[in-house]
Amino acid sequence: MPKIVRPENCHPAKTLWYDRKNYVTINFVVQNPKDVQVDVQDTKIILSCKDVDDNNIYNEIEFYDRVYKADSREKVFDRTINLLIRKVKENVAWPRLQKDLAKPTWLLVDFDNWRDWEHEEEEGMAEYEEYMDVSHFICLYRSIYRSIYCALVIFFLSFQPTWLLVDFDNWRDWEHEEEEGMAEYEEYMDMLNEMKDKGEPPAMDDLDDLSD
């Protein structure tokens, strides 16, 4: 692309940026941008455009570290120009966007999208260790519970003398005898009712007649 020339009368756009593991995102705040030109180089970025009032906008930023110029994405919106810049050194945090320690007034950190990704892995490991501690505590609690339960069973059984045994041959579950007896009674009553429905039994004389 042709080299971008800085206009004589221009001012920089307000710029918001935030850091990620593999890239940085830059948002140039421009109302209804037009004639947009963006030049991403290995060490810096240049933006030139006009805003809604035809004011010349020009930003030039020398990066904190090297980037992949061929692996950068640009998108123009009604109020911003968004750029996604790929880092050469992945998983290396950028403490600032520009190389120079002196930060310009128009360059700000986008705290709405900022994330302390450096400590995300540490926080994830801490959560995992906390989960493992809780799991270990639960397993330990269950083990202690079983041990106490077994000890109590053995303790109460120890009060029964060895010479005292249950006679299982004559053992009867008398708790359910009443229910079983009621069932037998109901069955007997049903049988009597069936006999009544069949009528009176034949007399002995009638039986003699049948034998003839």
N, C-alpha and C. Protein backbone atom coordinates (compact mmCIF):
# COMPACT_ATOMS: atom_id res chain seq x y z
N MET A 1 0.84 -1.18 0.00
CA MET A 1 0.00 0.00 0.00
C MET A 1 0.89 1.25 0.00
N PRO A 2 0.39 2.37 -0.52
CA PRO A 2 1.21 3.60 -0.53
C PRO A 2 1.48 4.09 0.88
N LYS A 3 2.59 4.74 1.04
CA LYS A 3 2.98 5.25 2.34
C LYS A 3 2.02 6.33 2.80
N ILE A 4 1.63 6.25 4.07
CA ILE A 4 0.71 7.24 4.63
C ILE A 4 1.49 8.48 5.05
N VAL A 5 1.06 9.62 4.53
CA VAL A 5 1.71 10.89 4.84
C VAL A 5 0.90 11.61 5.90
N ARG A 6 1.59 12.13 6.89
CA ARG A 6 0.91 12.86 7.97
C ARG A 6 0.39 14.20 7.45
N PRO A 7 -0.91 14.47 7.59
CA PRO A 7 -1.46 15.77 7.14
C PRO A 7 -0.92 16.92 8.00
N GLU A 8 -0.93 18.10 7.41
CA GLU A 8 -0.43 19.27 8.14
C GLU A 8 -1.34 19.62 9.32
N ASN A 9 -2.62 19.68 9.08
CA ASN A 9 -3.57 20.01 10.14
C ASN A 9 -4.29 18.72 10.54
N CYS A 10 -3.91 18.17 11.64
CA CYS A 10 -4.51 16.90 12.07
C CYS A 10 -4.45 16.80 13.60
N HIS A 11 -5.21 15.87 14.14
CA HIS A 11 -5.15 15.58 15.57
C HIS A 11 -5.40 14.08 15.76
N PRO A 12 -4.89 13.51 16.83
CA PRO A 12 -5.04 12.07 17.04
C PRO A 12 -6.43 11.72 17.54
N ALA A 13 -6.85 10.52 17.23
CA ALA A 13 -8.12 10.01 17.73
C ALA A 13 -7.91 9.39 19.11
N LYS A 14 -8.93 9.50 19.93
CA LYS A 14 -8.90 8.81 21.21
C LYS A 14 -8.75 7.31 20.94
N THR A 15 -7.83 6.68 21.66
CA THR A 15 -7.49 5.29 21.37
C THR A 15 -7.60 4.44 22.64
N LEU A 16 -8.36 3.36 22.54
CA LEU A 16 -8.52 2.40 23.64
C LEU A 16 -7.89 1.08 23.23
N TRP A 17 -7.22 0.44 24.17
CA TRP A 17 -6.59 -0.84 23.84
C TRP A 17 -6.66 -1.79 25.05
N TYR A 18 -6.56 -3.09 24.76
CA TYR A 18 -6.45 -4.08 25.83
C TYR A 18 -5.64 -5.27 25.35
N ASP A 19 -5.11 -5.98 26.32
CA ASP A 19 -4.14 -7.05 26.06
C ASP A 19 -4.78 -8.42 26.22
N ARG A 20 -4.34 -9.36 25.38
CA ARG A 20 -4.71 -10.76 25.50
C ARG A 20 -3.45 -11.62 25.34
N LYS A 21 -3.61 -12.93 25.53
CA LYS A 21 -2.45 -13.82 25.47
C LYS A 21 -1.73 -13.75 24.13
N ASN A 22 -2.50 -13.77 23.05
CA ASN A 22 -1.90 -13.89 21.72
C ASN A 22 -2.04 -12.64 20.86
N TYR A 23 -2.77 -11.65 21.33
CA TYR A 23 -3.00 -10.46 20.51
C TYR A 23 -3.32 -9.25 21.38
N VAL A 24 -3.32 -8.10 20.76
CA VAL A 24 -3.81 -6.87 21.39
C VAL A 24 -4.91 -6.30 20.50
N THR A 25 -5.87 -5.67 21.13
CA THR A 25 -6.97 -5.05 20.40
C THR A 25 -6.89 -3.54 20.57
N ILE A 26 -7.04 -2.82 19.46
CA ILE A 26 -6.98 -1.36 19.46
C ILE A 26 -8.26 -0.81 18.86
N ASN A 27 -8.87 0.14 19.54
CA ASN A 27 -10.06 0.82 19.04
C ASN A 27 -9.80 2.32 18.94
N PHE A 28 -9.79 2.82 17.71
CA PHE A 28 -9.68 4.26 17.49
C PHE A 28 -11.10 4.84 17.45
N VAL A 29 -11.38 5.77 18.33
CA VAL A 29 -12.73 6.33 18.44
C VAL A 29 -12.84 7.50 17.47
N VAL A 30 -13.60 7.28 16.38
CA VAL A 30 -13.80 8.31 15.35
C VAL A 30 -15.26 8.26 14.93
N GLN A 31 -15.92 9.41 14.93
CA GLN A 31 -17.33 9.49 14.54
C GLN A 31 -17.45 9.45 13.02
N ASN A 32 -18.17 8.44 12.52
CA ASN A 32 -18.38 8.25 11.08
C ASN A 32 -17.08 8.39 10.28
N PRO A 33 -16.12 7.51 10.51
CA PRO A 33 -14.83 7.63 9.82
C PRO A 33 -14.96 7.39 8.32
N LYS A 34 -14.14 8.07 7.56
CA LYS A 34 -14.10 7.89 6.11
C LYS A 34 -12.67 8.10 5.62
N ASP A 35 -12.42 7.65 4.40
CA ASP A 35 -11.07 7.69 3.83
C ASP A 35 -10.06 7.04 4.79
N VAL A 36 -10.45 5.91 5.30
CA VAL A 36 -9.63 5.24 6.32
C VAL A 36 -8.43 4.55 5.68
N GLN A 37 -7.26 4.82 6.24
CA GLN A 37 -6.02 4.15 5.84
C GLN A 37 -5.32 3.63 7.09
N VAL A 38 -4.98 2.36 7.05
CA VAL A 38 -4.30 1.74 8.19
C VAL A 38 -3.07 1.01 7.68
N ASP A 39 -1.95 1.27 8.30
CA ASP A 39 -0.69 0.62 7.93
C ASP A 39 -0.12 -0.05 9.18
N VAL A 40 -0.23 -1.39 9.21
CA VAL A 40 0.32 -2.15 10.34
C VAL A 40 1.69 -2.68 9.93
N GLN A 41 2.70 -2.30 10.67
CA GLN A 41 4.06 -2.77 10.43
C GLN A 41 4.51 -3.66 11.58
N ASP A 42 5.70 -4.21 11.44
CA ASP A 42 6.19 -5.13 12.48
C ASP A 42 6.36 -4.45 13.83
N THR A 43 6.61 -3.16 13.80
CA THR A 43 6.93 -2.46 15.05
C THR A 43 6.01 -1.28 15.35
N LYS A 44 5.12 -0.93 14.44
CA LYS A 44 4.25 0.22 14.69
C LYS A 44 2.99 0.17 13.84
N ILE A 45 2.07 1.07 14.13
CA ILE A 45 0.83 1.20 13.37
C ILE A 45 0.59 2.67 13.08
N ILE A 46 0.06 2.94 11.87
CA ILE A 46 -0.29 4.31 11.47
C ILE A 46 -1.74 4.31 11.01
N LEU A 47 -2.50 5.25 11.51
CA LEU A 47 -3.90 5.43 11.10
C LEU A 47 -4.08 6.83 10.55
N SER A 48 -4.79 6.92 9.43
CA SER A 48 -5.15 8.21 8.84
C SER A 48 -6.58 8.11 8.32
N CYS A 49 -7.40 9.11 8.65
CA CYS A 49 -8.78 9.13 8.19
C CYS A 49 -9.36 10.52 8.41
N LYS A 50 -10.65 10.65 8.11
CA LYS A 50 -11.39 11.88 8.39
C LYS A 50 -12.63 11.53 9.19
N ASP A 51 -13.04 12.46 10.06
CA ASP A 51 -14.22 12.20 10.86
C ASP A 51 -15.45 12.82 10.20
N VAL A 52 -16.56 12.85 10.94
CA VAL A 52 -17.82 13.34 10.39
C VAL A 52 -17.74 14.80 9.97
N ASP A 53 -16.85 15.57 10.59
CA ASP A 53 -16.70 16.99 10.27
C ASP A 53 -15.54 17.26 9.32
N ASP A 54 -15.04 16.21 8.69
CA ASP A 54 -13.91 16.30 7.75
C ASP A 54 -12.61 16.75 8.41
N ASN A 55 -12.50 16.54 9.69
CA ASN A 55 -11.24 16.80 10.37
C ASN A 55 -10.25 15.67 10.07
N ASN A 56 -9.00 16.02 9.89
CA ASN A 56 -7.97 15.03 9.62
C ASN A 56 -7.55 14.34 10.93
N ILE A 57 -7.60 13.03 10.89
CA ILE A 57 -7.22 12.22 12.05
C ILE A 57 -5.93 11.47 11.70
N TYR A 58 -4.99 11.50 12.64
CA TYR A 58 -3.72 10.80 12.39
C TYR A 58 -3.18 10.27 13.72
N ASN A 59 -2.93 8.96 13.74
CA ASN A 59 -2.33 8.32 14.91
C ASN A 59 -1.14 7.48 14.46
N GLU A 60 -0.08 7.56 15.22
CA GLU A 60 1.10 6.72 14.96
C GLU A 60 1.59 6.18 16.30
N ILE A 61 1.65 4.84 16.39
CA ILE A 61 2.03 4.20 17.65
C ILE A 61 3.14 3.20 17.38
N GLU A 62 4.24 3.34 18.08
CA GLU A 62 5.32 2.35 18.01
C GLU A 62 5.05 1.31 19.10
N PHE A 63 4.91 0.05 18.69
CA PHE A 63 4.47 -1.00 19.60
C PHE A 63 5.50 -1.31 20.69
N TYR A 64 4.96 -1.83 21.78
CA TYR A 64 5.80 -2.29 22.88
C TYR A 64 6.71 -3.44 22.44
N ASP A 65 6.19 -4.31 21.59
CA ASP A 65 6.97 -5.45 21.08
C ASP A 65 6.55 -5.72 19.64
N ARG A 66 7.22 -6.65 19.00
CA ARG A 66 6.96 -6.92 17.58
C ARG A 66 5.63 -7.65 17.40
N VAL A 67 5.04 -7.44 16.21
CA VAL A 67 3.76 -8.07 15.87
C VAL A 67 3.86 -8.68 14.47
N TYR A 68 2.86 -9.52 14.15
CA TYR A 68 2.75 -10.07 12.80
C TYR A 68 1.87 -9.12 11.97
N LYS A 69 2.47 -8.37 11.10
CA LYS A 69 1.68 -7.41 10.32
C LYS A 69 0.74 -8.12 9.35
N ALA A 70 1.13 -9.31 8.88
CA ALA A 70 0.29 -10.03 7.92
C ALA A 70 -0.89 -10.72 8.60
N ASP A 71 -0.83 -10.83 9.92
CA ASP A 71 -1.89 -11.52 10.65
C ASP A 71 -2.64 -10.53 11.53
N SER A 72 -3.03 -9.42 10.94
CA SER A 72 -3.79 -8.39 11.66
C SER A 72 -5.13 -8.17 10.95
N ARG A 73 -6.13 -7.81 11.72
CA ARG A 73 -7.48 -7.63 11.17
C ARG A 73 -7.97 -6.22 11.47
N GLU A 74 -8.68 -5.66 10.51
CA GLU A 74 -9.18 -4.29 10.62
C GLU A 74 -10.67 -4.27 10.28
N LYS A 75 -11.44 -3.52 11.07
CA LYS A 75 -12.87 -3.40 10.81
C LYS A 75 -13.31 -1.99 11.17
N VAL A 76 -14.05 -1.36 10.25
CA VAL A 76 -14.51 0.02 10.44
C VAL A 76 -15.98 0.02 10.84
N PHE A 77 -16.28 0.70 11.93
CA PHE A 77 -17.65 0.83 12.41
C PHE A 77 -18.08 2.30 12.36
N ASP A 78 -19.31 2.57 12.77
CA ASP A 78 -19.82 3.95 12.71
C ASP A 78 -19.08 4.89 13.66
N ARG A 79 -18.59 4.35 14.76
CA ARG A 79 -17.95 5.21 15.75
C ARG A 79 -16.53 4.79 16.10
N THR A 80 -16.09 3.67 15.61
CA THR A 80 -14.74 3.20 15.92
C THR A 80 -14.10 2.50 14.72
N ILE A 81 -12.79 2.44 14.79
CA ILE A 81 -12.01 1.63 13.86
C ILE A 81 -11.29 0.60 14.72
N ASN A 82 -11.66 -0.65 14.52
CA ASN A 82 -11.17 -1.73 15.38
C ASN A 82 -10.05 -2.50 14.69
N LEU A 83 -8.98 -2.77 15.44
CA LEU A 83 -7.86 -3.55 14.91
C LEU A 83 -7.48 -4.66 15.88
N LEU A 84 -7.25 -5.82 15.33
CA LEU A 84 -6.78 -6.98 16.08
C LEU A 84 -5.36 -7.26 15.63
N ILE A 85 -4.40 -7.10 16.53
CA ILE A 85 -2.98 -7.20 16.19
C ILE A 85 -2.39 -8.46 16.84
N ARG A 86 -1.80 -9.32 16.02
CA ARG A 86 -1.23 -10.57 16.53
C ARG A 86 0.19 -10.36 17.06
N LYS A 87 0.44 -10.86 18.26
CA LYS A 87 1.77 -10.75 18.86
C LYS A 87 2.73 -11.77 18.25
N VAL A 88 4.00 -11.41 18.20
CA VAL A 88 5.03 -12.38 17.83
C VAL A 88 5.32 -13.29 19.03
N LYS A 89 5.45 -12.71 20.20
CA LYS A 89 5.68 -13.47 21.42
C LYS A 89 4.35 -13.72 22.12
N GLU A 90 3.85 -14.93 21.99
CA GLU A 90 2.58 -15.27 22.62
C GLU A 90 2.78 -15.51 24.12
N ASN A 91 1.69 -15.34 24.85
CA ASN A 91 1.69 -15.54 26.31
C ASN A 91 2.67 -14.62 27.04
N VAL A 92 2.95 -13.49 26.44
CA VAL A 92 3.78 -12.47 27.08
C VAL A 92 2.94 -11.20 27.23
N ALA A 93 2.73 -10.78 28.46
CA ALA A 93 1.87 -9.62 28.71
C ALA A 93 2.54 -8.33 28.28
N TRP A 94 1.73 -7.43 27.73
CA TRP A 94 2.19 -6.09 27.39
C TRP A 94 1.76 -5.14 28.51
N PRO A 95 2.70 -4.55 29.22
CA PRO A 95 2.31 -3.59 30.27
C PRO A 95 1.78 -2.29 29.70
N ARG A 96 2.09 -2.02 28.44
CA ARG A 96 1.60 -0.82 27.75
C ARG A 96 1.59 -1.12 26.25
N LEU A 97 0.87 -0.32 25.50
CA LEU A 97 0.77 -0.54 24.06
C LEU A 97 1.99 0.02 23.33
N GLN A 98 2.44 1.17 23.75
CA GLN A 98 3.53 1.85 23.04
C GLN A 98 4.88 1.53 23.68
N LYS A 99 5.92 1.65 22.88
CA LYS A 99 7.27 1.38 23.38
C LYS A 99 7.74 2.45 24.35
N ASP A 100 7.39 3.67 24.06
CA ASP A 100 7.82 4.81 24.89
C ASP A 100 7.12 4.76 26.25
N LEU A 101 7.87 5.02 27.30
CA LEU A 101 7.29 5.03 28.64
C LEU A 101 6.30 6.17 28.84
N ALA A 102 6.51 7.26 28.14
CA ALA A 102 5.62 8.42 28.26
C ALA A 102 4.34 8.15 27.47
N LYS A 103 3.23 8.05 28.19
CA LYS A 103 1.96 7.73 27.54
C LYS A 103 1.27 9.01 27.10
N PRO A 104 0.84 9.07 25.83
CA PRO A 104 0.09 10.25 25.37
C PRO A 104 -1.29 10.31 26.01
N THR A 105 -1.85 11.48 26.10
CA THR A 105 -3.14 11.66 26.78
C THR A 105 -4.30 10.99 26.04
N TRP A 106 -4.16 10.82 24.73
CA TRP A 106 -5.25 10.24 23.94
C TRP A 106 -5.24 8.71 23.96
N LEU A 107 -4.24 8.10 24.57
CA LEU A 107 -4.13 6.63 24.62
C LEU A 107 -4.55 6.13 26.00
N LEU A 108 -5.59 5.28 26.03
CA LEU A 108 -6.16 4.80 27.28
C LEU A 108 -6.31 3.28 27.26
N VAL A 109 -6.32 2.71 28.43
CA VAL A 109 -6.58 1.27 28.57
C VAL A 109 -8.09 1.04 28.56
N ASP A 110 -8.53 0.06 27.80
CA ASP A 110 -9.96 -0.30 27.74
C ASP A 110 -10.26 -1.24 28.91
N PHE A 111 -10.57 -0.66 30.06
CA PHE A 111 -10.77 -1.48 31.26
C PHE A 111 -12.04 -2.32 31.18
N ASP A 112 -12.99 -1.94 30.33
CA ASP A 112 -14.20 -2.74 30.19
C ASP A 112 -13.90 -4.12 29.61
N ASN A 113 -12.84 -4.20 28.82
CA ASN A 113 -12.47 -5.47 28.19
C ASN A 113 -11.15 -6.03 28.71
N TRP A 114 -10.56 -5.31 29.64
CA TRP A 114 -9.26 -5.77 30.17
C TRP A 114 -9.46 -7.00 31.05
N ARG A 115 -8.51 -7.94 30.96
CA ARG A 115 -8.57 -9.14 31.77
C ARG A 115 -7.15 -9.52 32.20
N ASP A 116 -7.00 -9.83 33.46
CA ASP A 116 -5.68 -10.20 33.97
C ASP A 116 -5.42 -11.66 33.64
N TRP A 117 -5.18 -11.91 32.35
CA TRP A 117 -5.05 -13.30 31.89
C TRP A 117 -3.79 -13.96 32.43
N GLU A 118 -2.80 -13.18 32.88
CA GLU A 118 -1.58 -13.78 33.42
C GLU A 118 -1.87 -14.65 34.64
N HIS A 119 -2.88 -14.24 35.42
CA HIS A 119 -3.18 -14.97 36.65
C HIS A 119 -4.37 -15.91 36.49
N GLU A 120 -4.92 -16.00 35.28
CA GLU A 120 -6.07 -16.88 35.08
C GLU A 120 -5.70 -18.32 35.33
N GLU A 121 -4.52 -18.73 34.82
CA GLU A 121 -4.09 -20.12 35.01
C GLU A 121 -3.82 -20.40 36.48
N GLU A 122 -3.21 -19.41 37.17
CA GLU A 122 -2.95 -19.59 38.59
C GLU A 122 -4.26 -19.68 39.37
N GLU A 123 -5.24 -18.82 39.00
CA GLU A 123 -6.53 -18.87 39.68
C GLU A 123 -7.23 -20.19 39.40
N GLY A 124 -7.13 -20.67 38.16
CA GLY A 124 -7.73 -21.96 37.83
C GLY A 124 -7.10 -23.09 38.63
N MET A 125 -5.77 -23.05 38.78
CA MET A 125 -5.10 -24.07 39.59
C MET A 125 -5.51 -23.97 41.04
N ALA A 126 -5.67 -22.74 41.55
CA ALA A 126 -6.09 -22.56 42.94
C ALA A 126 -7.49 -23.13 43.15
N GLU A 127 -8.40 -22.88 42.20
CA GLU A 127 -9.75 -23.43 42.30
C GLU A 127 -9.72 -24.96 42.27
N TYR A 128 -8.85 -25.51 41.40
CA TYR A 128 -8.75 -26.97 41.30
C TYR A 128 -8.24 -27.56 42.61
N GLU A 129 -7.20 -26.91 43.20
CA GLU A 129 -6.66 -27.39 44.46
C GLU A 129 -7.70 -27.28 45.58
N GLU A 130 -8.48 -26.20 45.55
CA GLU A 130 -9.54 -26.05 46.56
C GLU A 130 -10.58 -27.16 46.40
N TYR A 131 -10.93 -27.46 45.14
CA TYR A 131 -11.89 -28.54 44.88
C TYR A 131 -11.35 -29.87 45.38
N MET A 132 -10.06 -30.13 45.13
CA MET A 132 -9.45 -31.38 45.56
C MET A 132 -9.42 -31.46 47.09
N ASP A 133 -9.18 -30.33 47.75
CA ASP A 133 -9.18 -30.31 49.21
C ASP A 133 -10.56 -30.67 49.75
N VAL A 134 -11.61 -30.11 49.14
CA VAL A 134 -12.97 -30.41 49.57
C VAL A 134 -13.30 -31.88 49.33
N SER A 135 -12.90 -32.39 48.15
CA SER A 135 -13.15 -33.80 47.84
C SER A 135 -12.43 -34.70 48.84
N HIS A 136 -11.19 -34.34 49.15
CA HIS A 136 -10.43 -35.13 50.12
C HIS A 136 -11.11 -35.10 51.49
N PHE A 137 -11.63 -33.93 51.88
CA PHE A 137 -12.31 -33.81 53.16
C PHE A 137 -13.56 -34.69 53.20
N ILE A 138 -14.31 -34.71 52.09
CA ILE A 138 -15.53 -35.53 52.03
C ILE A 138 -15.17 -37.01 52.16
N CYS A 139 -14.14 -37.44 51.43
CA CYS A 139 -13.71 -38.84 51.50
C CYS A 139 -13.25 -39.19 52.92
N LEU A 140 -12.52 -38.26 53.54
CA LEU A 140 -12.05 -38.49 54.90
C LEU A 140 -13.22 -38.58 55.87
N TYR A 141 -14.21 -37.70 55.67
CA TYR A 141 -15.40 -37.70 56.53
C TYR A 141 -16.14 -39.04 56.42
N ARG A 142 -16.31 -39.53 55.18
CA ARG A 142 -17.00 -40.80 54.99
C ARG A 142 -16.23 -41.95 55.63
N SER A 143 -14.92 -41.92 55.51
CA SER A 143 -14.10 -42.97 56.10
C SER A 143 -14.23 -42.97 57.62
N ILE A 144 -14.20 -41.77 58.21
CA ILE A 144 -14.34 -41.66 59.66
C ILE A 144 -15.73 -42.12 60.10
N TYR A 145 -16.75 -41.75 59.31
CA TYR A 145 -18.12 -42.14 59.64
C TYR A 145 -18.26 -43.67 59.65
N ARG A 146 -17.70 -44.32 58.61
CA ARG A 146 -17.77 -45.79 58.55
C ARG A 146 -17.04 -46.41 59.74
N SER A 147 -15.89 -45.86 60.09
CA SER A 147 -15.12 -46.41 61.21
C SER A 147 -15.90 -46.29 62.51
N ILE A 148 -16.53 -45.12 62.73
CA ILE A 148 -17.30 -44.92 63.96
C ILE A 148 -18.51 -45.85 63.98
N TYR A 149 -19.17 -46.00 62.83
CA TYR A 149 -20.35 -46.87 62.76
C TYR A 149 -19.97 -48.31 63.09
N CYS A 150 -18.90 -48.80 62.50
CA CYS A 150 -18.46 -50.17 62.76
C CYS A 150 -18.06 -50.35 64.22
N ALA A 151 -17.40 -49.33 64.77
CA ALA A 151 -16.99 -49.42 66.17
C ALA A 151 -18.20 -49.48 67.10
N LEU A 152 -19.25 -48.71 66.78
CA LEU A 152 -20.47 -48.72 67.60
C LEU A 152 -21.17 -50.07 67.52
N VAL A 153 -21.22 -50.64 66.31
CA VAL A 153 -21.86 -51.96 66.16
C VAL A 153 -21.13 -53.00 66.98
N ILE A 154 -19.81 -53.00 66.88
CA ILE A 154 -19.01 -53.96 67.65
C ILE A 154 -19.19 -53.72 69.14
N PHE A 155 -19.28 -52.44 69.52
CA PHE A 155 -19.43 -52.10 70.94
C PHE A 155 -20.73 -52.65 71.51
N PHE A 156 -21.85 -52.45 70.79
CA PHE A 156 -23.14 -52.92 71.29
C PHE A 156 -23.24 -54.44 71.24
N LEU A 157 -22.64 -55.06 70.23
CA LEU A 157 -22.68 -56.51 70.16
C LEU A 157 -21.86 -57.15 71.28
N SER A 158 -20.90 -56.41 71.78
CA SER A 158 -20.04 -56.96 72.83
C SER A 158 -20.80 -57.18 74.14
N PHE A 159 -21.98 -56.54 74.31
CA PHE A 159 -22.76 -56.72 75.53
C PHE A 159 -23.51 -58.06 75.53
N GLN A 160 -23.65 -58.71 74.38
CA GLN A 160 -24.36 -59.99 74.33
C GLN A 160 -23.38 -61.11 74.66
N PRO A 161 -23.66 -61.93 75.71
CA PRO A 161 -22.73 -63.02 76.07
C PRO A 161 -22.65 -64.06 74.97
N THR A 162 -21.53 -64.70 74.88
CA THR A 162 -21.30 -65.68 73.81
C THR A 162 -22.20 -66.90 73.93
N TRP A 163 -22.67 -67.20 75.16
CA TRP A 163 -23.49 -68.40 75.34
C TRP A 163 -24.97 -68.14 75.06
N LEU A 164 -25.35 -66.88 74.81
CA LEU A 164 -26.74 -66.53 74.54
C LEU A 164 -26.95 -66.39 73.04
N LEU A 165 -27.79 -67.29 72.46
CA LEU A 165 -28.01 -67.31 71.02
C LEU A 165 -29.50 -67.24 70.71
N VAL A 166 -29.84 -66.82 69.53
CA VAL A 166 -31.22 -66.77 69.07
C VAL A 166 -31.61 -68.13 68.50
N ASP A 167 -32.81 -68.65 68.91
CA ASP A 167 -33.31 -69.92 68.39
C ASP A 167 -34.05 -69.65 67.09
N PHE A 168 -33.31 -69.65 65.99
CA PHE A 168 -33.90 -69.30 64.71
C PHE A 168 -34.89 -70.35 64.21
N ASP A 169 -34.81 -71.59 64.72
CA ASP A 169 -35.76 -72.63 64.30
C ASP A 169 -37.18 -72.31 64.76
N ASN A 170 -37.30 -71.63 65.88
CA ASN A 170 -38.61 -71.30 66.42
C ASN A 170 -38.91 -69.80 66.39
N TRP A 171 -38.03 -69.08 65.75
CA TRP A 171 -38.24 -67.62 65.68
C TRP A 171 -39.44 -67.30 64.82
N ARG A 172 -40.26 -66.39 65.26
CA ARG A 172 -41.45 -66.03 64.52
C ARG A 172 -41.57 -64.52 64.46
N ASP A 173 -41.89 -64.03 63.28
CA ASP A 173 -42.06 -62.58 63.10
C ASP A 173 -43.46 -62.20 63.55
N TRP A 174 -43.63 -62.13 64.88
CA TRP A 174 -44.96 -61.92 65.44
C TRP A 174 -45.51 -60.54 65.12
N GLU A 175 -44.65 -59.63 64.70
CA GLU A 175 -45.13 -58.28 64.37
C GLU A 175 -46.11 -58.31 63.21
N HIS A 176 -45.94 -59.30 62.31
CA HIS A 176 -46.80 -59.38 61.14
C HIS A 176 -47.83 -60.50 61.24
N GLU A 177 -47.88 -61.18 62.43
CA GLU A 177 -48.83 -62.28 62.58
C GLU A 177 -50.27 -61.80 62.48
N GLU A 178 -50.55 -60.64 63.07
CA GLU A 178 -51.92 -60.11 63.06
C GLU A 178 -52.38 -59.87 61.63
N GLU A 179 -51.53 -59.34 60.80
CA GLU A 179 -51.89 -59.12 59.40
C GLU A 179 -52.14 -60.44 58.68
N GLU A 180 -51.26 -61.43 58.93
CA GLU A 180 -51.45 -62.73 58.28
C GLU A 180 -52.72 -63.40 58.77
N GLY A 181 -53.02 -63.28 60.10
CA GLY A 181 -54.24 -63.89 60.64
C GLY A 181 -55.48 -63.24 60.04
N MET A 182 -55.48 -61.96 59.86
CA MET A 182 -56.60 -61.27 59.25
C MET A 182 -56.80 -61.72 57.82
N ALA A 183 -55.74 -61.97 57.11
CA ALA A 183 -55.85 -62.45 55.73
C ALA A 183 -56.48 -63.84 55.69
N GLU A 184 -56.08 -64.72 56.63
CA GLU A 184 -56.67 -66.07 56.68
C GLU A 184 -58.16 -66.00 57.02
N TYR A 185 -58.51 -65.10 57.95
CA TYR A 185 -59.91 -64.94 58.34
C TYR A 185 -60.75 -64.47 57.16
N GLU A 186 -60.25 -63.49 56.41
CA GLU A 186 -60.98 -63.00 55.25
C GLU A 186 -61.14 -64.09 54.20
N GLU A 187 -60.13 -64.92 54.04
CA GLU A 187 -60.22 -66.01 53.07
C GLU A 187 -61.28 -67.03 53.49
N TYR A 188 -61.36 -67.32 54.81
CA TYR A 188 -62.36 -68.25 55.34
C TYR A 188 -63.77 -67.71 55.15
N MET A 189 -63.97 -66.41 55.40
CA MET A 189 -65.28 -65.80 55.23
C MET A 189 -65.70 -65.81 53.77
N ASP A 190 -64.79 -65.61 52.88
CA ASP A 190 -65.11 -65.67 51.45
C ASP A 190 -65.58 -67.07 51.07
N MET A 191 -64.96 -68.09 51.64
CA MET A 191 -65.36 -69.47 51.34
C MET A 191 -66.77 -69.75 51.84
N LEU A 192 -67.12 -69.26 53.06
CA LEU A 192 -68.47 -69.46 53.59
C LEU A 192 -69.51 -68.77 52.73
N ASN A 193 -69.21 -67.59 52.27
CA ASN A 193 -70.15 -66.86 51.42
C ASN A 193 -70.40 -67.59 50.11
N GLU A 194 -69.37 -68.21 49.57
CA GLU A 194 -69.54 -68.98 48.34
C GLU A 194 -70.45 -70.17 48.57
N MET A 195 -70.32 -70.81 49.74
CA MET A 195 -71.17 -71.97 50.06
C MET A 195 -72.63 -71.54 50.21
N LYS A 196 -72.88 -70.38 50.81
CA LYS A 196 -74.25 -69.89 50.96
C LYS A 196 -74.88 -69.62 49.61
N ASP A 197 -74.11 -69.10 48.69
CA ASP A 197 -74.64 -68.79 47.37
C ASP A 197 -75.08 -70.06 46.63
N LYS A 198 -74.49 -71.20 46.96
CA LYS A 198 -74.84 -72.46 46.28
C LYS A 198 -76.11 -73.09 46.84
N GLY A 199 -76.66 -72.59 47.95
CA GLY A 199 -77.90 -73.09 48.53
C GLY A 199 -77.64 -74.11 49.63
N GLU A 200 -78.78 -74.66 50.22
CA GLU A 200 -78.67 -75.62 51.32
C GLU A 200 -78.16 -76.95 50.79
N PRO A 201 -77.41 -77.69 51.59
CA PRO A 201 -76.93 -79.01 51.17
C PRO A 201 -78.11 -79.99 51.09
N PRO A 202 -78.09 -81.03 50.28
CA PRO A 202 -79.19 -81.99 50.13
C PRO A 202 -79.40 -82.79 51.41
N ALA A 203 -80.70 -83.17 51.69
CA ALA A 203 -81.02 -83.99 52.87
C ALA A 203 -80.60 -85.42 52.62
N MET A 204 -80.56 -86.23 53.72
CA MET A 204 -80.14 -87.63 53.59
C MET A 204 -81.11 -88.41 52.75
N ASP A 205 -82.48 -88.11 52.87
CA ASP A 205 -83.47 -88.84 52.07
C ASP A 205 -83.23 -88.60 50.60
N ASP A 206 -82.88 -87.38 50.28
CA ASP A 206 -82.61 -87.08 48.87
C ASP A 206 -81.43 -87.86 48.35
N LEU A 207 -80.48 -88.10 49.21
CA LEU A 207 -79.30 -88.88 48.80
C LEU A 207 -79.68 -90.32 48.56
N ASP A 208 -80.67 -90.85 49.42
CA ASP A 208 -81.12 -92.23 49.21
C ASP A 208 -81.81 -92.37 47.88
N ASP A 209 -82.65 -91.35 47.53
CA ASP A 209 -83.34 -91.40 46.25
C ASP A 209 -82.37 -91.42 45.10
N LEU A 210 -81.32 -90.70 45.26
CA LEU A 210 -80.33 -90.65 44.19
C LEU A 210 -79.63 -91.98 44.02
N SER A 211 -79.49 -92.74 45.15
CA SER A 211 -78.81 -94.03 45.06
C SER A 211 -79.66 -95.04 44.33
N ASP A 212 -81.04 -94.94 44.45
CA ASP A 212 -81.93 -95.84 43.73
C ASP A 212 -81.83 -95.60 42.24
